[in-house]
PDB file of N, CA and C in Angstrom:
ATOM      1  N   MET A   1       4.115  18.819   7.723  1.00  0.00           N
ATOM      2  CA  MET A   1       4.920  18.929   6.512  1.00  0.00           C
ATOM      3  C   MET A   1       5.624  17.598   6.261  1.00  0.00           C
ATOM      4  N   LEU A   2       5.608  17.149   5.035  1.00  0.00           N
ATOM      5  CA  LEU A   2       6.276  15.908   4.648  1.00  0.00           C
ATOM      6  C   LEU A   2       7.635  16.223   4.041  1.00  0.00           C
ATOM      7  N   ASN A   3       8.636  15.534   4.483  1.00  0.00           N
ATOM      8  CA  ASN A   3       9.977  15.675   3.924  1.00  0.00           C
ATOM      9  C   ASN A   3      10.503  14.303   3.557  1.00  0.00           C
ATOM     10  N   ALA A   4      10.712  14.066   2.264  1.00  0.00           N
ATOM     11  CA  ALA A   4      11.243  12.774   1.824  1.00  0.00           C
ATOM     12  C   ALA A   4      12.722  12.691   2.180  1.00  0.00           C
ATOM     13  N   LYS A   5      13.134  11.557   2.650  1.00  0.00           N
ATOM     14  CA  LYS A   5      14.535  11.331   3.008  1.00  0.00           C
ATOM     15  C   LYS A   5      15.102  10.242   2.112  1.00  0.00           C
ATOM     16  N   ARG A   6      16.287   9.806   2.388  1.00  0.00           N
ATOM     17  CA  ARG A   6      16.953   8.790   1.586  1.00  0.00           C
ATOM     18  C   ARG A   6      16.239   7.438   1.678  1.00  0.00           C
ATOM     19  N   GLN A   7      16.531   6.582   0.721  1.00  0.00           N
ATOM     20  CA  GLN A   7      15.947   5.243   0.692  1.00  0.00           C
ATOM     21  C   GLN A   7      16.875   4.250   1.374  1.00  0.00           C
ATOM     22  N   ILE A   8      16.260   3.208   1.920  1.00  0.00           N
ATOM     23  CA  ILE A   8      16.995   2.137   2.580  1.00  0.00           C
ATOM     24  C   ILE A   8      16.615   0.832   1.903  1.00  0.00           C
ATOM     25  N   ALA A   9      17.604   0.050   1.484  1.00  0.00           N
ATOM     26  CA  ALA A   9      17.342  -1.261   0.882  1.00  0.00           C
ATOM     27  C   ALA A   9      17.127  -2.271   2.001  1.00  0.00           C
ATOM     28  N   LEU A  10      16.067  -3.046   1.880  1.00  0.00           N
ATOM     29  CA  LEU A  10      15.706  -4.035   2.885  1.00  0.00           C
ATOM     30  C   LEU A  10      15.661  -5.403   2.222  1.00  0.00           C
ATOM     31  N   THR A  11      16.371  -6.368   2.774  1.00  0.00           N
ATOM     32  CA  THR A  11      16.322  -7.736   2.270  1.00  0.00           C
ATOM     33  C   THR A  11      15.252  -8.486   3.046  1.00  0.00           C
ATOM     34  N   LEU A  12      14.283  -9.020   2.328  1.00  0.00           N
ATOM     35  CA  LEU A  12      13.167  -9.744   2.923  1.00  0.00           C
ATOM     36  C   LEU A  12      13.369 -11.232   2.678  1.00  0.00           C
ATOM     37  N   VAL A  13      13.457 -12.012   3.756  1.00  0.00           N
ATOM     38  CA  VAL A  13      13.589 -13.464   3.658  1.00  0.00           C
ATOM     39  C   VAL A  13      12.282 -14.061   4.159  1.00  0.00           C
ATOM     40  N   GLU A  14      11.581 -14.743   3.279  1.00  0.00           N
ATOM     41  CA  GLU A  14      10.284 -15.317   3.617  1.00  0.00           C
ATOM     42  C   GLU A  14      10.458 -16.697   4.248  1.00  0.00           C
ATOM     43  N   PRO A  15       9.415 -17.223   4.897  1.00  0.00           N
ATOM     44  CA  PRO A  15       9.513 -18.545   5.521  1.00  0.00           C
ATOM     45  C   PRO A  15       9.932 -19.661   4.555  1.00  0.00           C
ATOM     46  N   CYS A  16       9.591 -19.508   3.271  1.00  0.00           N
ATOM     47  CA  CYS A  16       9.984 -20.513   2.276  1.00  0.00           C
ATOM     48  C   CYS A  16      11.423 -20.291   1.798  1.00  0.00           C
ATOM     49  N   LEU A  17      12.127 -19.326   2.412  1.00  0.00           N
ATOM     50  CA  LEU A  17      13.516 -18.949   2.111  1.00  0.00           C
ATOM     51  C   LEU A  17      13.680 -18.206   0.791  1.00  0.00           C
ATOM     52  N   SER A  18      12.588 -17.741   0.226  1.00  0.00           N
ATOM     53  CA  SER A  18      12.645 -16.868  -0.939  1.00  0.00           C
ATOM     54  C   SER A  18      13.175 -15.503  -0.476  1.00  0.00           C
ATOM     55  N   VAL A  19      14.073 -14.914  -1.261  1.00  0.00           N
ATOM     56  CA  VAL A  19      14.691 -13.642  -0.886  1.00  0.00           C
ATOM     57  C   VAL A  19      14.273 -12.564  -1.880  1.00  0.00           C
ATOM     58  N   SER A  20      13.835 -11.429  -1.359  1.00  0.00           N
ATOM     59  CA  SER A  20      13.444 -10.280  -2.171  1.00  0.00           C
ATOM     60  C   SER A  20      14.066  -9.029  -1.568  1.00  0.00           C
ATOM     61  N   THR A  21      14.148  -7.990  -2.375  1.00  0.00           N
ATOM     62  CA  THR A  21      14.655  -6.711  -1.890  1.00  0.00           C
ATOM     63  C   THR A  21      13.561  -5.664  -2.028  1.00  0.00           C
ATOM     64  N   LEU A  22      13.307  -4.942  -0.951  1.00  0.00           N
ATOM     65  CA  LEU A  22      12.347  -3.845  -0.945  1.00  0.00           C
ATOM     66  C   LEU A  22      13.092  -2.561  -0.624  1.00  0.00           C
ATOM     67  N   ASN A  23      12.566  -1.447  -1.102  1.00  0.00           N
ATOM     68  CA  ASN A  23      13.138  -0.147  -0.773  1.00  0.00           C
ATOM     69  C   ASN A  23      12.208   0.575   0.185  1.00  0.00           C
ATOM     70  N   LEU A  24      12.772   1.067   1.266  1.00  0.00           N
ATOM     71  CA  LEU A  24      12.014   1.847   2.234  1.00  0.00           C
ATOM     72  C   LEU A  24      12.435   3.304   2.113  1.00  0.00           C
ATOM     73  N   ALA A  25      11.454   4.191   2.139  1.00  0.00           N
ATOM     74  CA  ALA A  25      11.740   5.619   2.157  1.00  0.00           C
ATOM     75  C   ALA A  25      11.479   6.134   3.562  1.00  0.00           C
ATOM     76  N   LYS A  26      12.384   6.913   4.073  1.00  0.00           N
ATOM     77  CA  LYS A  26      12.247   7.487   5.411  1.00  0.00           C
ATOM     78  C   LYS A  26      11.579   8.858   5.266  1.00  0.00           C
ATOM     79  N   TRP A  27      10.440   9.028   5.933  1.00  0.00           N
ATOM     80  CA  TRP A  27       9.687  10.269   5.854  1.00  0.00           C
ATOM     81  C   TRP A  27       9.624  10.922   7.223  1.00  0.00           C
ATOM     82  N   SER A  28       9.764  12.220   7.232  1.00  0.00           N
ATOM     83  CA  SER A  28       9.587  13.009   8.444  1.00  0.00           C
ATOM     84  C   SER A  28       8.224  13.687   8.349  1.00  0.00           C
ATOM     85  N   ILE A  29       7.320  13.315   9.252  1.00  0.00           N
ATOM     86  CA  ILE A  29       5.983  13.899   9.286  1.00  0.00           C
ATOM     87  C   ILE A  29       5.861  14.632  10.617  1.00  0.00           C
ATOM     88  N   ARG A  30       5.904  15.935  10.539  1.00  0.00           N
ATOM     89  CA  ARG A  30       5.977  16.781  11.733  1.00  0.00           C
ATOM     90  C   ARG A  30       7.203  16.371  12.543  1.00  0.00           C
ATOM     91  N   SER A  31       7.027  15.855  13.738  1.00  0.00           N
ATOM     92  CA  SER A  31       8.189  15.471  14.546  1.00  0.00           C
ATOM     93  C   SER A  31       8.386  13.958  14.594  1.00  0.00           C
ATOM     94  N   ASN A  32       7.650  13.211  13.756  1.00  0.00           N
ATOM     95  CA  ASN A  32       7.741  11.746  13.740  1.00  0.00           C
ATOM     96  C   ASN A  32       8.460  11.251  12.497  1.00  0.00           C
ATOM     97  N   LEU A  33       9.142  10.123  12.625  1.00  0.00           N
ATOM     98  CA  LEU A  33       9.773   9.478  11.478  1.00  0.00           C
ATOM     99  C   LEU A  33       9.019   8.202  11.150  1.00  0.00           C
ATOM    100  N   SER A  34       8.796   7.968   9.863  1.00  0.00           N
ATOM    101  CA  SER A  34       8.133   6.748   9.404  1.00  0.00           C
ATOM    102  C   SER A  34       8.936   6.168   8.255  1.00  0.00           C
ATOM    103  N   TYR A  35       8.871   4.854   8.110  1.00  0.00           N
ATOM    104  CA  TYR A  35       9.495   4.176   6.982  1.00  0.00           C
ATOM    105  C   TYR A  35       8.378   3.615   6.118  1.00  0.00           C
ATOM    106  N   ILE A  36       8.373   3.975   4.845  1.00  0.00           N
ATOM    107  CA  ILE A  36       7.318   3.620   3.911  1.00  0.00           C
ATOM    108  C   ILE A  36       7.894   2.684   2.855  1.00  0.00           C
ATOM    109  N   ILE A  37       7.172   1.575   2.576  1.00  0.00           N
ATOM    110  CA  ILE A  37       7.593   0.693   1.481  1.00  0.00           C
ATOM    111  C   ILE A  37       7.404   1.474   0.194  1.00  0.00           C
ATOM    112  N   ASN A  38       8.481   1.686  -0.503  1.00  0.00           N
ATOM    113  CA  ASN A  38       8.509   2.597  -1.626  1.00  0.00           C
ATOM    114  C   ASN A  38       8.134   1.935  -2.945  1.00  0.00           C
ATOM    115  N   GLU A  39       8.586   0.741  -3.186  1.00  0.00           N
ATOM    116  CA  GLU A  39       8.340   0.075  -4.469  1.00  0.00           C
ATOM    117  C   GLU A  39       8.581  -1.422  -4.321  1.00  0.00           C
ATOM    118  N   ASP A  40       8.227  -2.163  -5.317  1.00  0.00           N
ATOM    119  CA  ASP A  40       8.465  -3.604  -5.423  1.00  0.00           C
ATOM    120  C   ASP A  40       7.617  -4.468  -4.499  1.00  0.00           C
ATOM    121  N   TYR A  41       6.751  -3.880  -3.663  1.00  0.00           N
ATOM    122  CA  TYR A  41       5.930  -4.720  -2.790  1.00  0.00           C
ATOM    123  C   TYR A  41       4.945  -5.550  -3.601  1.00  0.00           C
ATOM    124  N   ASN A  42       4.378  -4.975  -4.660  1.00  0.00           N
ATOM    125  CA  ASN A  42       3.431  -5.727  -5.490  1.00  0.00           C
ATOM    126  C   ASN A  42       4.091  -6.952  -6.103  1.00  0.00           C
ATOM    127  N   LYS A  43       5.341  -6.840  -6.486  1.00  0.00           N
ATOM    128  CA  LYS A  43       6.076  -7.977  -7.046  1.00  0.00           C
ATOM    129  C   LYS A  43       6.188  -9.097  -6.017  1.00  0.00           C
ATOM    130  N   VAL A  44       6.516  -8.770  -4.781  1.00  0.00           N
ATOM    131  CA  VAL A  44       6.622  -9.764  -3.710  1.00  0.00           C
ATOM    132  C   VAL A  44       5.256 -10.388  -3.451  1.00  0.00           C
ATOM    133  N   PHE A  45       4.222  -9.568  -3.401  1.00  0.00           N
ATOM    134  CA  PHE A  45       2.869 -10.055  -3.151  1.00  0.00           C
ATOM    135  C   PHE A  45       2.415 -11.012  -4.257  1.00  0.00           C
ATOM    136  N   GLU A  46       2.667 -10.658  -5.517  1.00  0.00           N
ATOM    137  CA  GLU A  46       2.277 -11.514  -6.641  1.00  0.00           C
ATOM    138  C   GLU A  46       3.009 -12.852  -6.603  1.00  0.00           C
ATOM    139  N   GLU A  47       4.267 -12.855  -6.224  1.00  0.00           N
ATOM    140  CA  GLU A  47       5.027 -14.104  -6.137  1.00  0.00           C
ATOM    141  C   GLU A  47       4.475 -15.006  -5.040  1.00  0.00           C
ATOM    142  N   GLN A  48       3.940 -14.433  -3.976  1.00  0.00           N
ATOM    143  CA  GLN A  48       3.346 -15.226  -2.900  1.00  0.00           C
ATOM    144  C   GLN A  48       2.052 -15.888  -3.343  1.00  0.00           C
ATOM    145  N   GLN A  49       1.360 -15.296  -4.300  1.00  0.00           N
ATOM    146  CA  GLN A  49       0.079 -15.823  -4.759  1.00  0.00           C
ATOM    147  C   GLN A  49       0.243 -17.030  -5.678  1.00  0.00           C
ATOM    148  N   ARG A  50       1.438 -17.292  -6.149  1.00  0.00           N
ATOM    149  CA  ARG A  50       1.688 -18.427  -7.056  1.00  0.00           C
ATOM    150  C   ARG A  50       1.729 -19.724  -6.321  1.00  0.00           C
TER     151      ARG A  50
END
């Protein structure tokens, strides 16, 4: 069973010192906890391609 939990804001500092914010969602899958990148990852990825 999947249970969505609260989101956690994560500040990502890249080697070039560019700073981005990602949101992680905490999911409970059976008896395990996982953190899933919730949004904005594509934006960070696209900026790296420039």
